[in-house]
Amino acid sequence: MSWLKKMAYVLCLVALLGAVSGCGEEGPAEKAGKKIDEAMDQAKDKMDDMGDDAKSAFDDLKKKANEAMDN
């Protein structure tokens, strides 16, 4: 086996070991990322709820305005 083939073999082996070892338990950055994702989902849900509340309030005001115009 030539020197170049041996080097390619070793590099492939190192890359494979690195990929396999990266699949272990999650580190602090991944944990923080998951917490950020959860916080963003909660914020989105609250914003959706606020949007629904605002739409309901607008619809109520529109209905009252239409009733006032009819009287």
PDB file of N, CA and C in Angstrom:
ATOM      1  N   MET A   1       0.853  -1.176   0.000  1.00  0.00           N
ATOM      2  CA  MET A   1       0.000   0.000   0.000  1.00  0.00           C
ATOM      3  C   MET A   1       0.894   1.233   0.000  1.00  0.00           C
ATOM      4  N   SER A   2       0.547   2.179  -0.849  1.00  0.00           N
ATOM      5  CA  SER A   2       1.370   3.384  -0.920  1.00  0.00           C
ATOM      6  C   SER A   2       1.091   4.301   0.264  1.00  0.00           C
ATOM      7  N   TRP A   3       1.973   5.240   0.452  1.00  0.00           N
ATOM      8  CA  TRP A   3       1.858   6.186   1.568  1.00  0.00           C
ATOM      9  C   TRP A   3       0.571   6.990   1.449  1.00  0.00           C
ATOM     10  N   LEU A   4       0.199   7.391   0.241  1.00  0.00           N
ATOM     11  CA  LEU A   4      -0.997   8.204   0.016  1.00  0.00           C
ATOM     12  C   LEU A   4      -2.262   7.414   0.346  1.00  0.00           C
ATOM     13  N   LYS A   5      -2.305   6.144  -0.029  1.00  0.00           N
ATOM     14  CA  LYS A   5      -3.471   5.313   0.280  1.00  0.00           C
ATOM     15  C   LYS A   5      -3.599   5.091   1.783  1.00  0.00           C
ATOM     16  N   LYS A   6      -2.472   4.892   2.457  1.00  0.00           N
ATOM     17  CA  LYS A   6      -2.493   4.720   3.907  1.00  0.00           C
ATOM     18  C   LYS A   6      -3.023   5.968   4.591  1.00  0.00           C
ATOM     19  N   MET A   7      -2.571   7.131   4.111  1.00  0.00           N
ATOM     20  CA  MET A   7      -3.009   8.404   4.689  1.00  0.00           C
ATOM     21  C   MET A   7      -4.510   8.600   4.455  1.00  0.00           C
ATOM     22  N   ALA A   8      -4.992   8.268   3.275  1.00  0.00           N
ATOM     23  CA  ALA A   8      -6.417   8.387   2.972  1.00  0.00           C
ATOM     24  C   ALA A   8      -7.223   7.447   3.869  1.00  0.00           C
ATOM     25  N   TYR A   9      -6.726   6.231   4.072  1.00  0.00           N
ATOM     26  CA  TYR A   9      -7.392   5.264   4.933  1.00  0.00           C
ATOM     27  C   TYR A   9      -7.478   5.779   6.373  1.00  0.00           C
ATOM     28  N   VAL A  10      -6.387   6.317   6.875  1.00  0.00           N
ATOM     29  CA  VAL A  10      -6.348   6.835   8.240  1.00  0.00           C
ATOM     30  C   VAL A  10      -7.298   8.026   8.380  1.00  0.00           C
ATOM     31  N   LEU A  11      -7.315   8.915   7.405  1.00  0.00           N
ATOM     32  CA  LEU A  11      -8.203  10.075   7.467  1.00  0.00           C
ATOM     33  C   LEU A  11      -9.673   9.657   7.447  1.00  0.00           C
ATOM     34  N   CYS A  12      -9.998   8.656   6.627  1.00  0.00           N
ATOM     35  CA  CYS A  12     -11.378   8.155   6.602  1.00  0.00           C
ATOM     36  C   CYS A  12     -11.754   7.527   7.940  1.00  0.00           C
ATOM     37  N   LEU A  13     -10.844   6.806   8.521  1.00  0.00           N
ATOM     38  CA  LEU A  13     -11.094   6.180   9.822  1.00  0.00           C
ATOM     39  C   LEU A  13     -11.295   7.233  10.903  1.00  0.00           C
ATOM     40  N   VAL A  14     -10.478   8.256  10.900  1.00  0.00           N
ATOM     41  CA  VAL A  14     -10.608   9.342  11.878  1.00  0.00           C
ATOM     42  C   VAL A  14     -11.952  10.067  11.692  1.00  0.00           C
ATOM     43  N   ALA A  15     -12.333  10.318  10.452  1.00  0.00           N
ATOM     44  CA  ALA A  15     -13.612  10.983  10.184  1.00  0.00           C
ATOM     45  C   ALA A  15     -14.779  10.131  10.664  1.00  0.00           C
ATOM     46  N   LEU A  16     -14.696   8.824  10.429  1.00  0.00           N
ATOM     47  CA  LEU A  16     -15.756   7.925  10.874  1.00  0.00           C
ATOM     48  C   LEU A  16     -15.850   7.894  12.393  1.00  0.00           C
ATOM     49  N   LEU A  17     -14.731   7.823  13.064  1.00  0.00           N
ATOM     50  CA  LEU A  17     -14.730   7.829  14.529  1.00  0.00           C
ATOM     51  C   LEU A  17     -15.268   9.153  15.076  1.00  0.00           C
ATOM     52  N   GLY A  18     -14.921  10.247  14.427  1.00  0.00           N
ATOM     53  CA  GLY A  18     -15.429  11.551  14.861  1.00  0.00           C
ATOM     54  C   GLY A  18     -16.934  11.644  14.711  1.00  0.00           C
ATOM     55  N   ALA A  19     -17.448  11.108  13.613  1.00  0.00           N
ATOM     56  CA  ALA A  19     -18.895  11.143  13.388  1.00  0.00           C
ATOM     57  C   ALA A  19     -19.623  10.272  14.400  1.00  0.00           C
ATOM     58  N   VAL A  20     -19.078   9.116  14.701  1.00  0.00           N
ATOM     59  CA  VAL A  20     -19.716   8.207  15.654  1.00  0.00           C
ATOM     60  C   VAL A  20     -19.660   8.774  17.068  1.00  0.00           C
ATOM     61  N   SER A  21     -18.549   9.366  17.438  1.00  0.00           N
ATOM     62  CA  SER A  21     -18.437   9.912  18.792  1.00  0.00           C
ATOM     63  C   SER A  21     -19.289  11.160  18.968  1.00  0.00           C
ATOM     64  N   GLY A  22     -19.608  11.851  17.885  1.00  0.00           N
ATOM     65  CA  GLY A  22     -20.450  13.042  17.956  1.00  0.00           C
ATOM     66  C   GLY A  22     -21.910  12.721  18.216  1.00  0.00           C
ATOM     67  N   CYS A  23     -22.288  11.475  18.138  1.00  0.00           N
ATOM     68  CA  CYS A  23     -23.677  11.077  18.323  1.00  0.00           C
ATOM     69  C   CYS A  23     -23.982  10.668  19.761  1.00  0.00           C
ATOM     70  N   GLY A  24     -23.087  10.964  20.684  1.00  0.00           N
ATOM     71  CA  GLY A  24     -23.278  10.583  22.085  1.00  0.00           C
ATOM     72  C   GLY A  24     -24.258  11.499  22.784  1.00  0.00           C
ATOM     73  N   GLU A  25     -24.076  11.672  24.076  1.00  0.00           N
ATOM     74  CA  GLU A  25     -24.991  12.504  24.847  1.00  0.00           C
ATOM     75  C   GLU A  25     -24.844  13.972  24.443  1.00  0.00           C
ATOM     76  N   GLU A  26     -25.921  14.702  24.634  1.00  0.00           N
ATOM     77  CA  GLU A  26     -25.922  16.094  24.198  1.00  0.00           C
ATOM     78  C   GLU A  26     -25.117  16.968  25.150  1.00  0.00           C
ATOM     79  N   GLY A  27     -24.444  17.928  24.567  1.00  0.00           N
ATOM     80  CA  GLY A  27     -23.618  18.826  25.349  1.00  0.00           C
ATOM     81  C   GLY A  27     -24.387  20.063  25.778  1.00  0.00           C
ATOM     82  N   PRO A  28     -23.708  21.000  26.431  1.00  0.00           N
ATOM     83  CA  PRO A  28     -24.384  22.199  26.938  1.00  0.00           C
ATOM     84  C   PRO A  28     -24.949  23.081  25.830  1.00  0.00           C
ATOM     85  N   ALA A  29     -24.269  23.140  24.694  1.00  0.00           N
ATOM     86  CA  ALA A  29     -24.775  23.979  23.597  1.00  0.00           C
ATOM     87  C   ALA A  29     -26.073  23.411  23.039  1.00  0.00           C
ATOM     88  N   GLU A  30     -26.133  22.095  22.904  1.00  0.00           N
ATOM     89  CA  GLU A  30     -27.353  21.481  22.383  1.00  0.00           C
ATOM     90  C   GLU A  30     -28.503  21.639  23.379  1.00  0.00           C
ATOM     91  N   LYS A  31     -28.213  21.507  24.661  1.00  0.00           N
ATOM     92  CA  LYS A  31     -29.241  21.699  25.689  1.00  0.00           C
ATOM     93  C   LYS A  31     -29.762  23.139  25.649  1.00  0.00           C
ATOM     94  N   ALA A  32     -28.844  24.090  25.520  1.00  0.00           N
ATOM     95  CA  ALA A  32     -29.247  25.504  25.450  1.00  0.00           C
ATOM     96  C   ALA A  32     -30.083  25.744  24.201  1.00  0.00           C
ATOM     97  N   GLY A  33     -29.691  25.128  23.098  1.00  0.00           N
ATOM     98  CA  GLY A  33     -30.457  25.274  21.854  1.00  0.00           C
ATOM     99  C   GLY A  33     -31.868  24.747  21.996  1.00  0.00           C
ATOM    100  N   LYS A  34     -32.016  23.625  22.680  1.00  0.00           N
ATOM    101  CA  LYS A  34     -33.353  23.070  22.887  1.00  0.00           C
ATOM    102  C   LYS A  34     -34.196  23.985  23.765  1.00  0.00           C
ATOM    103  N   LYS A  35     -33.579  24.584  24.794  1.00  0.00           N
ATOM    104  CA  LYS A  35     -34.322  25.508  25.655  1.00  0.00           C
ATOM    105  C   LYS A  35     -34.748  26.750  24.881  1.00  0.00           C
ATOM    106  N   ILE A  36     -33.873  27.219  23.993  1.00  0.00           N
ATOM    107  CA  ILE A  36     -34.224  28.380  23.162  1.00  0.00           C
ATOM    108  C   ILE A  36     -35.381  28.028  22.234  1.00  0.00           C
ATOM    109  N   ASP A  37     -35.340  26.833  21.640  1.00  0.00           N
ATOM    110  CA  ASP A  37     -36.429  26.400  20.764  1.00  0.00           C
ATOM    111  C   ASP A  37     -37.753  26.337  21.524  1.00  0.00           C
ATOM    112  N   GLU A  38     -37.715  25.798  22.742  1.00  0.00           N
ATOM    113  CA  GLU A  38     -38.932  25.720  23.550  1.00  0.00           C
ATOM    114  C   GLU A  38     -39.462  27.114  23.881  1.00  0.00           C
ATOM    115  N   ALA A  39     -38.559  28.024  24.228  1.00  0.00           N
ATOM    116  CA  ALA A  39     -38.966  29.392  24.553  1.00  0.00           C
ATOM    117  C   ALA A  39     -39.574  30.077  23.332  1.00  0.00           C
ATOM    118  N   MET A  40     -38.984  29.837  22.167  1.00  0.00           N
ATOM    119  CA  MET A  40     -39.516  30.434  20.941  1.00  0.00           C
ATOM    120  C   MET A  40     -40.899  29.869  20.622  1.00  0.00           C
ATOM    121  N   ASP A  41     -41.098  28.577  20.832  1.00  0.00           N
ATOM    122  CA  ASP A  41     -42.414  27.978  20.599  1.00  0.00           C
ATOM    123  C   ASP A  41     -43.453  28.557  21.547  1.00  0.00           C
ATOM    124  N   GLN A  42     -43.073  28.733  22.813  1.00  0.00           N
ATOM    125  CA  GLN A  42     -44.003  29.317  23.782  1.00  0.00           C
ATOM    126  C   GLN A  42     -44.332  30.760  23.416  1.00  0.00           C
ATOM    127  N   ALA A  43     -43.327  31.512  22.989  1.00  0.00           N
ATOM    128  CA  ALA A  43     -43.556  32.905  22.600  1.00  0.00           C
ATOM    129  C   ALA A  43     -44.474  32.969  21.381  1.00  0.00           C
ATOM    130  N   LYS A  44     -44.283  32.064  20.433  1.00  0.00           N
ATOM    131  CA  LYS A  44     -45.132  32.025  19.238  1.00  0.00           C
ATOM    132  C   LYS A  44     -46.571  31.727  19.625  1.00  0.00           C
ATOM    133  N   ASP A  45     -46.749  30.765  20.526  1.00  0.00           N
ATOM    134  CA  ASP A  45     -48.102  30.429  20.972  1.00  0.00           C
ATOM    135  C   ASP A  45     -48.772  31.623  21.641  1.00  0.00           C
ATOM    136  N   LYS A  46     -48.025  32.339  22.475  1.00  0.00           N
ATOM    137  CA  LYS A  46     -48.595  33.510  23.155  1.00  0.00           C
ATOM    138  C   LYS A  46     -48.924  34.614  22.158  1.00  0.00           C
ATOM    139  N   MET A  47     -48.061  34.795  21.164  1.00  0.00           N
ATOM    140  CA  MET A  47     -48.332  35.813  20.140  1.00  0.00           C
ATOM    141  C   MET A  47     -49.569  35.437  19.331  1.00  0.00           C
ATOM    142  N   ASP A  48     -49.728  34.150  19.030  1.00  0.00           N
ATOM    143  CA  ASP A  48     -50.928  33.704  18.321  1.00  0.00           C
ATOM    144  C   ASP A  48     -52.178  33.980  19.156  1.00  0.00           C
ATOM    145  N   ASP A  49     -52.092  33.701  20.453  1.00  0.00           N
ATOM    146  CA  ASP A  49     -53.223  33.960  21.340  1.00  0.00           C
ATOM    147  C   ASP A  49     -53.539  35.455  21.393  1.00  0.00           C
ATOM    148  N   MET A  50     -52.500  36.277  21.478  1.00  0.00           N
ATOM    149  CA  MET A  50     -52.712  37.730  21.511  1.00  0.00           C
ATOM    150  C   MET A  50     -53.339  38.208  20.204  1.00  0.00           C
ATOM    151  N   GLY A  51     -52.911  37.639  19.091  1.00  0.00           N
ATOM    152  CA  GLY A  51     -53.493  38.001  17.797  1.00  0.00           C
ATOM    153  C   GLY A  51     -54.957  37.625  17.735  1.00  0.00           C
ATOM    154  N   ASP A  52     -55.296  36.443  18.252  1.00  0.00           N
ATOM    155  CA  ASP A  52     -56.696  36.023  18.281  1.00  0.00           C
ATOM    156  C   ASP A  52     -57.523  36.952  19.168  1.00  0.00           C
ATOM    157  N   ASP A  53     -56.967  37.328  20.322  1.00  0.00           N
ATOM    158  CA  ASP A  53     -57.672  38.240  21.223  1.00  0.00           C
ATOM    159  C   ASP A  53     -57.883  39.607  20.569  1.00  0.00           C
ATOM    160  N   ALA A  54     -56.853  40.089  19.883  1.00  0.00           N
ATOM    161  CA  ALA A  54     -56.964  41.388  19.215  1.00  0.00           C
ATOM    162  C   ALA A  54     -58.012  41.335  18.106  1.00  0.00           C
ATOM    163  N   LYS A  55     -58.041  40.241  17.362  1.00  0.00           N
ATOM    164  CA  LYS A  55     -59.034  40.091  16.298  1.00  0.00           C
ATOM    165  C   LYS A  55     -60.440  40.059  16.883  1.00  0.00           C
ATOM    166  N   SER A  56     -60.609  39.343  17.991  1.00  0.00           N
ATOM    167  CA  SER A  56     -61.921  39.285  18.636  1.00  0.00           C
ATOM    168  C   SER A  56     -62.348  40.665  19.124  1.00  0.00           C
ATOM    169  N   ALA A  57     -61.420  41.397  19.725  1.00  0.00           N
ATOM    170  CA  ALA A  57     -61.739  42.742  20.208  1.00  0.00           C
ATOM    171  C   ALA A  57     -62.099  43.654  19.038  1.00  0.00           C
ATOM    172  N   PHE A  58     -61.362  43.547  17.940  1.00  0.00           N
ATOM    173  CA  PHE A  58     -61.660  44.363  16.760  1.00  0.00           C
ATOM    174  C   PHE A  58     -63.035  44.014  16.201  1.00  0.00           C
ATOM    175  N   ASP A  59     -63.338  42.722  16.129  1.00  0.00           N
ATOM    176  CA  ASP A  59     -64.649  42.304  15.622  1.00  0.00           C
ATOM    177  C   ASP A  59     -65.769  42.821  16.507  1.00  0.00           C
ATOM    178  N   ASP A  60     -65.566  42.808  17.836  1.00  0.00           N
ATOM    179  CA  ASP A  60     -66.578  43.332  18.765  1.00  0.00           C
ATOM    180  C   ASP A  60     -66.776  44.827  18.559  1.00  0.00           C
ATOM    181  N   LEU A  61     -65.680  45.562  18.420  1.00  0.00           N
ATOM    182  CA  LEU A  61     -65.793  47.008  18.194  1.00  0.00           C
ATOM    183  C   LEU A  61     -66.476  47.311  16.863  1.00  0.00           C
ATOM    184  N   LYS A  62     -66.145  46.523  15.861  1.00  0.00           N
ATOM    185  CA  LYS A  62     -66.772  46.710  14.547  1.00  0.00           C
ATOM    186  C   LYS A  62     -68.272  46.466  14.624  1.00  0.00           C
ATOM    187  N   LYS A  63     -68.656  45.417  15.374  1.00  0.00           N
ATOM    188  CA  LYS A  63     -70.066  45.097  15.520  1.00  0.00           C
ATOM    189  C   LYS A  63     -70.782  46.225  16.268  1.00  0.00           C
ATOM    190  N   LYS A  64     -70.174  46.736  17.330  1.00  0.00           N
ATOM    191  CA  LYS A  64     -70.778  47.829  18.096  1.00  0.00           C
ATOM    192  C   LYS A  64     -70.886  49.089  17.251  1.00  0.00           C
ATOM    193  N   ALA A  65     -69.868  49.353  16.439  1.00  0.00           N
ATOM    194  CA  ALA A  65     -69.910  50.529  15.571  1.00  0.00           C
ATOM    195  C   ALA A  65     -71.012  50.406  14.539  1.00  0.00           C
ATOM    196  N   ASN A  66     -71.168  49.223  13.972  1.00  0.00           N
ATOM    197  CA  ASN A  66     -72.241  49.007  12.996  1.00  0.00           C
ATOM    198  C   ASN A  66     -73.612  49.165  13.659  1.00  0.00           C
ATOM    199  N   GLU A  67     -73.754  48.660  14.887  1.00  0.00           N
ATOM    200  CA  GLU A  67     -75.024  48.793  15.614  1.00  0.00           C
ATOM    201  C   GLU A  67     -75.304  50.265  15.913  1.00  0.00           C
ATOM    202  N   ALA A  68     -74.275  51.027  16.275  1.00  0.00           N
ATOM    203  CA  ALA A  68     -74.460  52.445  16.562  1.00  0.00           C
ATOM    204  C   ALA A  68     -74.858  53.212  15.304  1.00  0.00           C
ATOM    205  N   MET A  69     -74.304  52.808  14.183  1.00  0.00           N
ATOM    206  CA  MET A  69     -74.632  53.495  12.926  1.00  0.00           C
ATOM    207  C   MET A  69     -76.064  53.192  12.485  1.00  0.00           C
ATOM    208  N   ASP A  70     -76.544  51.980  12.823  1.00  0.00           N
ATOM    209  CA  ASP A  70     -77.901  51.585  12.433  1.00  0.00           C
ATOM    210  C   ASP A  70     -78.952  52.285  13.308  1.00  0.00           C
ATOM    211  N   ASN A  71     -78.614  52.674  14.519  1.00  0.00           N
ATOM    212  CA  ASN A  71     -79.592  53.292  15.429  1.00  0.00           C
ATOM    213  C   ASN A  71     -79.672  54.747  15.236  1.00  0.00           C
TER     214      ASN A  71
END
